[in-house]
Amino acid sequence: MKYYQCPVAQTMGIKSYTQDCDIPVRCKSAASLKPIRSVHFPNDVVFQDYVRHGELERIGRFIRTKRVTLDTIYHSGMAAIHEAVLTGNLECVKLLVQYGADIHQRDEEGWTPLHMACSDGFPQIAGYLLSLGADPELENECGEKPSDLIDPENKELLELFGLAAND
């Protein structure tokens, strides 16, 4: 049976749980614990996380200090602009474009940011990309155009592509 150290009660002044619950736990002094180790992640991993969470200030800082390149395809198979589109964060997409992200960049499956905006139902992002000249005729590896990926219930995207049915 394995016993775990429990330094919390001693270091934080928390009173011990007195009821017996048949869980083998014992506390040792904080002096017997191993030193804390720090973990460092590659810049690309950290940057990708910032994009996913929409941390605009940190994204800008990474780009300005040239710690990343915007055309990098990450382990996810996508570039930063694809990640930003998938989060639905228009401000993040705008920031990446401002710093030179390619609106026609393809991921590993040939999807452009416009494909992703249409597939995931983000009309504001799709409209922004179209306003910048994103090509709605580009096909992914399956031969699909961005408009082919629009959910039929998403009236705003359908109208954006001139596909809205006349009611």
N, C-alpha and C. Protein backbone atom coordinates (compact mmCIF):
# COMPACT_ATOMS: atom_id res chain seq x y z
N MET A 1 0.83 -1.17 0.00
CA MET A 1 0.00 0.00 0.00
C MET A 1 0.89 1.24 0.00
N LYS A 2 0.51 2.23 -0.81
CA LYS A 2 1.32 3.44 -0.94
C LYS A 2 0.77 4.52 -0.02
N TYR A 3 1.67 5.22 0.65
CA TYR A 3 1.29 6.33 1.52
C TYR A 3 1.75 7.63 0.87
N TYR A 4 0.93 8.63 0.93
CA TYR A 4 1.23 9.92 0.33
C TYR A 4 1.57 10.94 1.40
N GLN A 5 2.49 11.81 1.08
CA GLN A 5 2.84 12.88 2.00
C GLN A 5 1.75 13.94 1.99
N CYS A 6 1.53 14.55 3.10
CA CYS A 6 0.49 15.56 3.21
C CYS A 6 1.04 16.78 3.93
N PRO A 7 1.81 17.62 3.24
CA PRO A 7 2.41 18.78 3.91
C PRO A 7 1.45 19.95 4.08
N VAL A 8 0.27 19.87 3.48
CA VAL A 8 -0.63 21.02 3.47
C VAL A 8 -1.03 21.44 4.88
N ALA A 9 -1.41 20.48 5.71
CA ALA A 9 -1.88 20.82 7.05
C ALA A 9 -0.81 21.54 7.85
N GLN A 10 0.43 21.16 7.65
CA GLN A 10 1.49 21.76 8.43
C GLN A 10 1.95 23.09 7.87
N THR A 11 1.93 23.24 6.55
CA THR A 11 2.45 24.47 5.97
C THR A 11 1.40 25.56 5.84
N MET A 12 0.13 25.18 5.82
CA MET A 12 -0.92 26.18 5.64
C MET A 12 -1.77 26.38 6.88
N GLY A 13 -1.45 25.68 7.95
CA GLY A 13 -2.19 25.84 9.18
C GLY A 13 -3.58 25.22 9.13
N ILE A 14 -3.79 24.24 8.28
CA ILE A 14 -5.08 23.58 8.17
C ILE A 14 -5.14 22.48 9.21
N LYS A 15 -6.27 22.38 9.91
CA LYS A 15 -6.40 21.35 10.93
C LYS A 15 -6.59 20.00 10.28
N SER A 16 -6.06 19.00 10.89
CA SER A 16 -6.16 17.64 10.37
C SER A 16 -7.59 17.14 10.47
N TYR A 17 -7.94 16.27 9.54
CA TYR A 17 -9.25 15.63 9.54
C TYR A 17 -9.19 14.50 10.55
N THR A 18 -10.04 14.53 11.56
CA THR A 18 -9.91 13.59 12.66
C THR A 18 -10.68 12.30 12.44
N GLN A 19 -11.69 12.29 11.63
CA GLN A 19 -12.48 11.08 11.42
C GLN A 19 -11.70 10.07 10.59
N ASP A 20 -11.74 8.81 10.99
CA ASP A 20 -11.03 7.76 10.27
C ASP A 20 -11.84 7.39 9.03
N CYS A 21 -11.22 7.51 7.86
CA CYS A 21 -11.92 7.18 6.62
C CYS A 21 -11.19 6.10 5.84
N ASP A 22 -10.32 5.37 6.50
CA ASP A 22 -9.60 4.24 5.91
C ASP A 22 -8.77 4.60 4.70
N ILE A 23 -8.33 5.83 4.58
CA ILE A 23 -7.43 6.23 3.50
C ILE A 23 -6.06 6.41 4.12
N PRO A 24 -5.10 5.61 3.66
CA PRO A 24 -3.77 5.69 4.27
C PRO A 24 -3.02 6.95 3.84
N VAL A 25 -3.01 7.95 4.69
CA VAL A 25 -2.32 9.20 4.42
C VAL A 25 -1.52 9.56 5.67
N ARG A 26 -0.31 10.00 5.48
CA ARG A 26 0.47 10.46 6.62
C ARG A 26 1.15 11.76 6.24
N CYS A 27 1.35 12.59 7.21
CA CYS A 27 1.96 13.88 6.96
C CYS A 27 3.39 13.89 7.46
N LYS A 28 4.23 14.52 6.70
CA LYS A 28 5.62 14.70 7.10
C LYS A 28 5.90 16.18 7.16
N SER A 29 6.99 16.53 7.71
CA SER A 29 7.35 17.94 7.76
C SER A 29 7.71 18.43 6.37
N ALA A 30 7.53 19.71 6.15
CA ALA A 30 7.83 20.30 4.85
C ALA A 30 9.30 20.14 4.48
N ALA A 31 10.16 19.96 5.47
CA ALA A 31 11.59 19.82 5.19
C ALA A 31 11.90 18.52 4.45
N SER A 32 11.02 17.52 4.56
CA SER A 32 11.28 16.23 3.92
C SER A 32 10.80 16.19 2.47
N LEU A 33 10.16 17.23 2.00
CA LEU A 33 9.65 17.25 0.63
C LEU A 33 10.76 17.57 -0.36
N LYS A 34 10.60 17.08 -1.56
CA LYS A 34 11.56 17.36 -2.62
C LYS A 34 11.40 18.80 -3.09
N PRO A 35 12.46 19.41 -3.59
CA PRO A 35 12.35 20.79 -4.08
C PRO A 35 11.43 20.85 -5.31
N ILE A 36 10.77 21.97 -5.47
CA ILE A 36 9.88 22.18 -6.59
C ILE A 36 10.69 22.32 -7.87
N ARG A 37 10.25 21.63 -8.91
CA ARG A 37 10.90 21.74 -10.21
C ARG A 37 10.04 22.59 -11.13
N SER A 38 10.68 23.35 -11.96
CA SER A 38 9.92 24.13 -12.92
C SER A 38 9.97 23.45 -14.28
N VAL A 39 8.90 23.62 -15.04
CA VAL A 39 8.78 23.02 -16.36
C VAL A 39 8.77 24.15 -17.38
N HIS A 40 9.52 23.99 -18.44
CA HIS A 40 9.57 24.99 -19.50
C HIS A 40 9.05 24.37 -20.79
N PHE A 41 8.12 25.07 -21.43
CA PHE A 41 7.55 24.59 -22.68
C PHE A 41 8.16 25.38 -23.83
N PRO A 42 8.23 24.77 -25.00
CA PRO A 42 8.73 25.50 -26.17
C PRO A 42 7.83 26.70 -26.47
N ASN A 43 8.40 27.73 -27.06
CA ASN A 43 7.65 28.94 -27.38
C ASN A 43 6.39 28.66 -28.19
N ASP A 44 6.49 27.73 -29.15
CA ASP A 44 5.33 27.44 -29.99
C ASP A 44 4.17 26.89 -29.18
N VAL A 45 4.45 26.06 -28.21
CA VAL A 45 3.40 25.47 -27.38
C VAL A 45 2.75 26.56 -26.53
N VAL A 46 3.55 27.41 -25.95
CA VAL A 46 3.02 28.51 -25.13
C VAL A 46 2.21 29.47 -25.99
N PHE A 47 2.73 29.81 -27.16
CA PHE A 47 2.03 30.72 -28.06
C PHE A 47 0.68 30.14 -28.49
N GLN A 48 0.66 28.89 -28.84
CA GLN A 48 -0.58 28.24 -29.26
C GLN A 48 -1.62 28.28 -28.12
N ASP A 49 -1.17 28.10 -26.90
CA ASP A 49 -2.07 28.19 -25.76
C ASP A 49 -2.61 29.61 -25.59
N TYR A 50 -1.75 30.61 -25.78
CA TYR A 50 -2.20 32.00 -25.70
C TYR A 50 -3.27 32.28 -26.76
N VAL A 51 -3.07 31.74 -27.96
CA VAL A 51 -4.05 31.94 -29.03
C VAL A 51 -5.37 31.29 -28.65
N ARG A 52 -5.31 30.08 -28.17
CA ARG A 52 -6.53 29.36 -27.79
C ARG A 52 -7.32 30.09 -26.71
N HIS A 53 -6.61 30.79 -25.83
CA HIS A 53 -7.27 31.50 -24.74
C HIS A 53 -7.48 32.98 -25.04
N GLY A 54 -7.08 33.42 -26.23
CA GLY A 54 -7.32 34.80 -26.64
C GLY A 54 -6.57 35.84 -25.83
N GLU A 55 -5.38 35.52 -25.39
CA GLU A 55 -4.58 36.45 -24.59
C GLU A 55 -3.84 37.40 -25.53
N LEU A 56 -4.55 38.43 -25.97
CA LEU A 56 -4.07 39.31 -27.03
C LEU A 56 -2.75 39.99 -26.72
N GLU A 57 -2.60 40.47 -25.51
CA GLU A 57 -1.36 41.16 -25.15
C GLU A 57 -0.15 40.23 -25.25
N ARG A 58 -0.31 39.03 -24.74
CA ARG A 58 0.79 38.06 -24.78
C ARG A 58 1.07 37.60 -26.21
N ILE A 59 0.02 37.44 -27.00
CA ILE A 59 0.19 37.06 -28.40
C ILE A 59 1.03 38.11 -29.12
N GLY A 60 0.65 39.37 -28.95
CA GLY A 60 1.38 40.47 -29.57
C GLY A 60 2.83 40.51 -29.13
N ARG A 61 3.06 40.29 -27.84
CA ARG A 61 4.43 40.30 -27.31
C ARG A 61 5.27 39.19 -27.93
N PHE A 62 4.70 38.00 -28.06
CA PHE A 62 5.43 36.88 -28.67
C PHE A 62 5.79 37.20 -30.12
N ILE A 63 4.87 37.78 -30.84
CA ILE A 63 5.12 38.08 -32.25
C ILE A 63 6.16 39.19 -32.39
N ARG A 64 5.99 40.27 -31.61
CA ARG A 64 6.92 41.40 -31.69
C ARG A 64 8.35 41.01 -31.33
N THR A 65 8.50 40.09 -30.39
CA THR A 65 9.84 39.68 -29.99
C THR A 65 10.37 38.53 -30.86
N LYS A 66 9.62 38.21 -31.90
CA LYS A 66 10.01 37.19 -32.88
C LYS A 66 10.33 35.83 -32.25
N ARG A 67 9.51 35.46 -31.25
CA ARG A 67 9.68 34.16 -30.62
C ARG A 67 8.92 33.06 -31.37
N VAL A 68 8.07 33.46 -32.31
CA VAL A 68 7.30 32.51 -33.11
C VAL A 68 7.18 33.04 -34.52
N THR A 69 6.85 32.15 -35.44
CA THR A 69 6.50 32.57 -36.79
C THR A 69 5.06 32.17 -37.03
N LEU A 70 4.33 33.04 -37.69
CA LEU A 70 2.89 32.83 -37.83
C LEU A 70 2.51 31.74 -38.82
N ASP A 71 3.43 31.31 -39.66
CA ASP A 71 3.08 30.27 -40.63
C ASP A 71 3.39 28.86 -40.13
N THR A 72 3.82 28.74 -38.87
CA THR A 72 4.14 27.43 -38.30
C THR A 72 2.87 26.58 -38.20
N ILE A 73 2.98 25.34 -38.66
CA ILE A 73 1.90 24.38 -38.47
C ILE A 73 2.23 23.59 -37.21
N TYR A 74 1.33 23.66 -36.23
CA TYR A 74 1.57 23.02 -34.94
C TYR A 74 1.21 21.54 -34.99
N HIS A 75 1.42 20.86 -33.88
CA HIS A 75 1.11 19.44 -33.79
C HIS A 75 -0.37 19.17 -34.03
N SER A 76 -1.20 20.17 -33.80
CA SER A 76 -2.63 20.03 -34.04
C SER A 76 -2.95 19.98 -35.53
N GLY A 77 -1.94 20.31 -36.36
CA GLY A 77 -2.15 20.32 -37.81
C GLY A 77 -2.59 21.68 -38.33
N MET A 78 -2.63 22.66 -37.44
CA MET A 78 -3.12 23.99 -37.81
C MET A 78 -2.09 25.05 -37.46
N ALA A 79 -2.25 26.21 -38.08
CA ALA A 79 -1.44 27.38 -37.76
C ALA A 79 -2.21 28.22 -36.73
N ALA A 80 -1.57 29.27 -36.24
CA ALA A 80 -2.18 30.12 -35.21
C ALA A 80 -3.50 30.72 -35.68
N ILE A 81 -3.58 31.14 -36.93
CA ILE A 81 -4.83 31.76 -37.40
C ILE A 81 -5.98 30.76 -37.39
N HIS A 82 -5.69 29.49 -37.69
CA HIS A 82 -6.74 28.47 -37.62
C HIS A 82 -7.22 28.29 -36.18
N GLU A 83 -6.26 28.25 -35.27
CA GLU A 83 -6.60 28.11 -33.85
C GLU A 83 -7.47 29.27 -33.38
N ALA A 84 -7.12 30.48 -33.81
CA ALA A 84 -7.88 31.66 -33.41
C ALA A 84 -9.31 31.60 -33.96
N VAL A 85 -9.45 31.18 -35.21
CA VAL A 85 -10.78 31.07 -35.80
C VAL A 85 -11.61 30.05 -35.02
N LEU A 86 -11.02 28.93 -34.67
CA LEU A 86 -11.77 27.89 -33.96
C LEU A 86 -12.24 28.32 -32.58
N THR A 87 -11.57 29.29 -31.99
CA THR A 87 -12.02 29.80 -30.69
C THR A 87 -13.17 30.79 -30.86
N GLY A 88 -13.37 31.27 -32.10
CA GLY A 88 -14.43 32.24 -32.34
C GLY A 88 -14.07 33.65 -31.91
N ASN A 89 -12.79 33.90 -31.69
CA ASN A 89 -12.34 35.19 -31.18
C ASN A 89 -11.91 36.08 -32.34
N LEU A 90 -12.82 36.94 -32.78
CA LEU A 90 -12.55 37.82 -33.91
C LEU A 90 -11.38 38.76 -33.63
N GLU A 91 -11.27 39.28 -32.42
CA GLU A 91 -10.17 40.18 -32.09
C GLU A 91 -8.82 39.49 -32.21
N CYS A 92 -8.76 38.24 -31.83
CA CYS A 92 -7.53 37.48 -31.95
C CYS A 92 -7.18 37.26 -33.43
N VAL A 93 -8.18 36.94 -34.23
CA VAL A 93 -7.97 36.78 -35.68
C VAL A 93 -7.44 38.08 -36.27
N LYS A 94 -8.06 39.20 -35.90
CA LYS A 94 -7.63 40.51 -36.41
C LYS A 94 -6.19 40.80 -36.02
N LEU A 95 -5.83 40.49 -34.78
CA LEU A 95 -4.46 40.74 -34.32
C LEU A 95 -3.47 39.93 -35.12
N LEU A 96 -3.75 38.66 -35.33
CA LEU A 96 -2.84 37.81 -36.10
C LEU A 96 -2.70 38.31 -37.53
N VAL A 97 -3.80 38.73 -38.14
CA VAL A 97 -3.76 39.26 -39.50
C VAL A 97 -2.95 40.56 -39.52
N GLN A 98 -3.15 41.39 -38.51
CA GLN A 98 -2.39 42.65 -38.42
C GLN A 98 -0.89 42.38 -38.40
N TYR A 99 -0.48 41.29 -37.75
CA TYR A 99 0.94 40.95 -37.69
C TYR A 99 1.41 40.09 -38.86
N GLY A 100 0.53 39.85 -39.83
CA GLY A 100 0.96 39.19 -41.05
C GLY A 100 0.51 37.76 -41.26
N ALA A 101 -0.43 37.27 -40.46
CA ALA A 101 -0.94 35.91 -40.70
C ALA A 101 -1.62 35.87 -42.06
N ASP A 102 -1.42 34.79 -42.77
CA ASP A 102 -1.96 34.60 -44.12
C ASP A 102 -3.40 34.11 -44.04
N ILE A 103 -4.33 34.88 -44.59
CA ILE A 103 -5.75 34.47 -44.54
C ILE A 103 -6.04 33.30 -45.46
N HIS A 104 -5.10 32.95 -46.33
CA HIS A 104 -5.27 31.79 -47.22
C HIS A 104 -4.44 30.58 -46.77
N GLN A 105 -3.80 30.68 -45.61
CA GLN A 105 -2.96 29.57 -45.15
C GLN A 105 -3.82 28.32 -44.97
N ARG A 106 -3.25 27.21 -45.36
CA ARG A 106 -3.95 25.93 -45.25
C ARG A 106 -3.39 25.11 -44.10
N ASP A 107 -4.29 24.36 -43.47
CA ASP A 107 -3.83 23.43 -42.44
C ASP A 107 -3.45 22.11 -43.11
N GLU A 108 -3.22 21.07 -42.33
CA GLU A 108 -2.77 19.80 -42.89
C GLU A 108 -3.80 19.14 -43.81
N GLU A 109 -5.06 19.53 -43.69
CA GLU A 109 -6.11 18.94 -44.52
C GLU A 109 -6.59 19.91 -45.60
N GLY A 110 -5.84 20.99 -45.79
CA GLY A 110 -6.16 21.94 -46.84
C GLY A 110 -7.23 22.96 -46.47
N TRP A 111 -7.60 23.01 -45.21
CA TRP A 111 -8.62 23.97 -44.78
C TRP A 111 -7.98 25.35 -44.60
N THR A 112 -8.66 26.37 -45.09
CA THR A 112 -8.27 27.75 -44.86
C THR A 112 -9.01 28.25 -43.62
N PRO A 113 -8.63 29.40 -43.09
CA PRO A 113 -9.40 29.96 -41.98
C PRO A 113 -10.87 30.17 -42.34
N LEU A 114 -11.15 30.50 -43.60
CA LEU A 114 -12.54 30.68 -44.01
C LEU A 114 -13.32 29.37 -43.95
N HIS A 115 -12.69 28.27 -44.32
CA HIS A 115 -13.33 26.96 -44.17
C HIS A 115 -13.76 26.74 -42.71
N MET A 116 -12.85 27.06 -41.81
CA MET A 116 -13.11 26.82 -40.39
C MET A 116 -14.20 27.74 -39.86
N ALA A 117 -14.18 28.99 -40.28
CA ALA A 117 -15.20 29.93 -39.83
C ALA A 117 -16.59 29.47 -40.29
N CYS A 118 -16.66 28.96 -41.50
CA CYS A 118 -17.94 28.47 -42.03
C CYS A 118 -18.37 27.18 -41.34
N SER A 119 -17.45 26.28 -41.18
CA SER A 119 -17.75 24.98 -40.57
C SER A 119 -18.20 25.13 -39.12
N ASP A 120 -17.56 26.03 -38.39
CA ASP A 120 -17.86 26.18 -36.97
C ASP A 120 -18.90 27.27 -36.68
N GLY A 121 -19.41 27.90 -37.72
CA GLY A 121 -20.51 28.84 -37.55
C GLY A 121 -20.15 30.19 -36.99
N PHE A 122 -19.10 30.81 -37.52
CA PHE A 122 -18.68 32.14 -37.06
C PHE A 122 -18.83 33.16 -38.19
N PRO A 123 -20.05 33.71 -38.37
CA PRO A 123 -20.28 34.64 -39.49
C PRO A 123 -19.46 35.92 -39.41
N GLN A 124 -19.20 36.43 -38.20
CA GLN A 124 -18.42 37.67 -38.09
C GLN A 124 -16.99 37.44 -38.58
N ILE A 125 -16.42 36.30 -38.23
CA ILE A 125 -15.06 36.00 -38.67
C ILE A 125 -15.05 35.74 -40.17
N ALA A 126 -16.03 35.00 -40.66
CA ALA A 126 -16.11 34.74 -42.11
C ALA A 126 -16.25 36.05 -42.87
N GLY A 127 -17.09 36.95 -42.39
CA GLY A 127 -17.27 38.26 -43.04
C GLY A 127 -15.99 39.07 -43.04
N TYR A 128 -15.28 39.03 -41.91
CA TYR A 128 -14.02 39.74 -41.82
C TYR A 128 -13.01 39.19 -42.82
N LEU A 129 -12.89 37.86 -42.88
CA LEU A 129 -11.94 37.24 -43.81
C LEU A 129 -12.31 37.55 -45.26
N LEU A 130 -13.60 37.52 -45.56
CA LEU A 130 -14.05 37.85 -46.92
C LEU A 130 -13.74 39.31 -47.25
N SER A 131 -13.90 40.19 -46.26
CA SER A 131 -13.62 41.61 -46.49
C SER A 131 -12.15 41.86 -46.80
N LEU A 132 -11.29 40.95 -46.34
CA LEU A 132 -9.85 41.06 -46.60
C LEU A 132 -9.46 40.38 -47.92
N GLY A 133 -10.42 39.74 -48.56
CA GLY A 133 -10.13 39.09 -49.83
C GLY A 133 -9.94 37.60 -49.76
N ALA A 134 -10.40 36.97 -48.68
CA ALA A 134 -10.30 35.51 -48.59
C ALA A 134 -11.08 34.90 -49.76
N ASP A 135 -10.50 33.90 -50.39
CA ASP A 135 -11.09 33.29 -51.58
C ASP A 135 -12.13 32.24 -51.19
N PRO A 136 -13.42 32.49 -51.47
CA PRO A 136 -14.46 31.53 -51.11
C PRO A 136 -14.50 30.30 -52.03
N GLU A 137 -13.69 30.31 -53.07
CA GLU A 137 -13.69 29.20 -54.04
C GLU A 137 -12.59 28.17 -53.76
N LEU A 138 -11.70 28.45 -52.82
CA LEU A 138 -10.64 27.48 -52.51
C LEU A 138 -11.26 26.21 -51.92
N GLU A 139 -10.75 25.07 -52.36
CA GLU A 139 -11.25 23.78 -51.87
C GLU A 139 -10.24 23.14 -50.94
N ASN A 140 -10.76 22.42 -49.94
CA ASN A 140 -9.88 21.65 -49.07
C ASN A 140 -9.55 20.32 -49.76
N GLU A 141 -8.84 19.43 -49.07
CA GLU A 141 -8.42 18.18 -49.70
C GLU A 141 -9.59 17.26 -50.07
N CYS A 142 -10.75 17.51 -49.48
CA CYS A 142 -11.94 16.71 -49.80
C CYS A 142 -12.75 17.35 -50.92
N GLY A 143 -12.24 18.46 -51.48
CA GLY A 143 -12.95 19.13 -52.55
C GLY A 143 -14.09 20.03 -52.09
N GLU A 144 -14.09 20.40 -50.81
CA GLU A 144 -15.15 21.24 -50.27
C GLU A 144 -14.73 22.71 -50.26
N LYS A 145 -15.64 23.55 -50.67
CA LYS A 145 -15.47 25.00 -50.55
C LYS A 145 -15.99 25.41 -49.17
N PRO A 146 -15.58 26.58 -48.69
CA PRO A 146 -16.10 27.02 -47.38
C PRO A 146 -17.63 27.01 -47.31
N SER A 147 -18.29 27.42 -48.37
CA SER A 147 -19.75 27.47 -48.35
C SER A 147 -20.39 26.08 -48.24
N ASP A 148 -19.67 25.05 -48.64
CA ASP A 148 -20.18 23.68 -48.53
C ASP A 148 -20.25 23.22 -47.08
N LEU A 149 -19.56 23.90 -46.20
CA LEU A 149 -19.45 23.48 -44.80
C LEU A 149 -20.41 24.23 -43.88
N ILE A 150 -21.22 25.11 -44.43
CA ILE A 150 -22.13 25.92 -43.62
C ILE A 150 -23.32 25.08 -43.17
N ASP A 151 -23.65 25.18 -41.89
CA ASP A 151 -24.84 24.52 -41.35
C ASP A 151 -26.08 25.19 -41.97
N PRO A 152 -27.00 24.40 -42.52
CA PRO A 152 -28.20 24.98 -43.15
C PRO A 152 -29.04 25.85 -42.21
N GLU A 153 -28.85 25.70 -40.91
CA GLU A 153 -29.58 26.51 -39.94
C GLU A 153 -28.92 27.87 -39.70
N ASN A 154 -27.71 28.05 -40.16
CA ASN A 154 -26.98 29.30 -39.90
C ASN A 154 -27.32 30.31 -41.00
N LYS A 155 -28.42 31.01 -40.79
CA LYS A 155 -28.94 31.97 -41.78
C LYS A 155 -27.95 33.08 -42.09
N GLU A 156 -27.24 33.55 -41.07
CA GLU A 156 -26.30 34.66 -41.26
C GLU A 156 -25.16 34.28 -42.21
N LEU A 157 -24.62 33.09 -42.04
CA LEU A 157 -23.56 32.64 -42.93
C LEU A 157 -24.11 32.37 -44.34
N LEU A 158 -25.29 31.78 -44.40
CA LEU A 158 -25.90 31.52 -45.71
C LEU A 158 -26.10 32.82 -46.48
N GLU A 159 -26.58 33.85 -45.79
CA GLU A 159 -26.78 35.16 -46.43
C GLU A 159 -25.45 35.75 -46.88
N LEU A 160 -24.43 35.59 -46.05
CA LEU A 160 -23.11 36.12 -46.37
C LEU A 160 -22.59 35.54 -47.69
N PHE A 161 -22.92 34.30 -47.97
CA PHE A 161 -22.46 33.63 -49.18
C PHE A 161 -23.53 33.63 -50.28
N GLY A 162 -24.63 34.35 -50.03
CA GLY A 162 -25.70 34.43 -51.03
C GLY A 162 -26.43 33.13 -51.23
N LEU A 163 -26.50 32.33 -50.17
CA LEU A 163 -27.16 31.02 -50.27
C LEU A 163 -28.47 30.94 -49.50
N ALA A 164 -28.92 32.05 -48.95
CA ALA A 164 -30.15 32.04 -48.15
C ALA A 164 -31.34 31.73 -49.05
N ALA A 165 -32.18 30.82 -48.58
CA ALA A 165 -33.39 30.47 -49.34
C ALA A 165 -34.41 31.58 -49.21
N ASN A 166 -35.11 31.84 -50.28
CA ASN A 166 -36.17 32.86 -50.24
C ASN A 166 -37.37 32.27 -49.53
N ASP A 167 -37.75 32.91 -48.43
CA ASP A 167 -38.89 32.42 -47.64
C ASP A 167 -40.19 32.96 -48.16
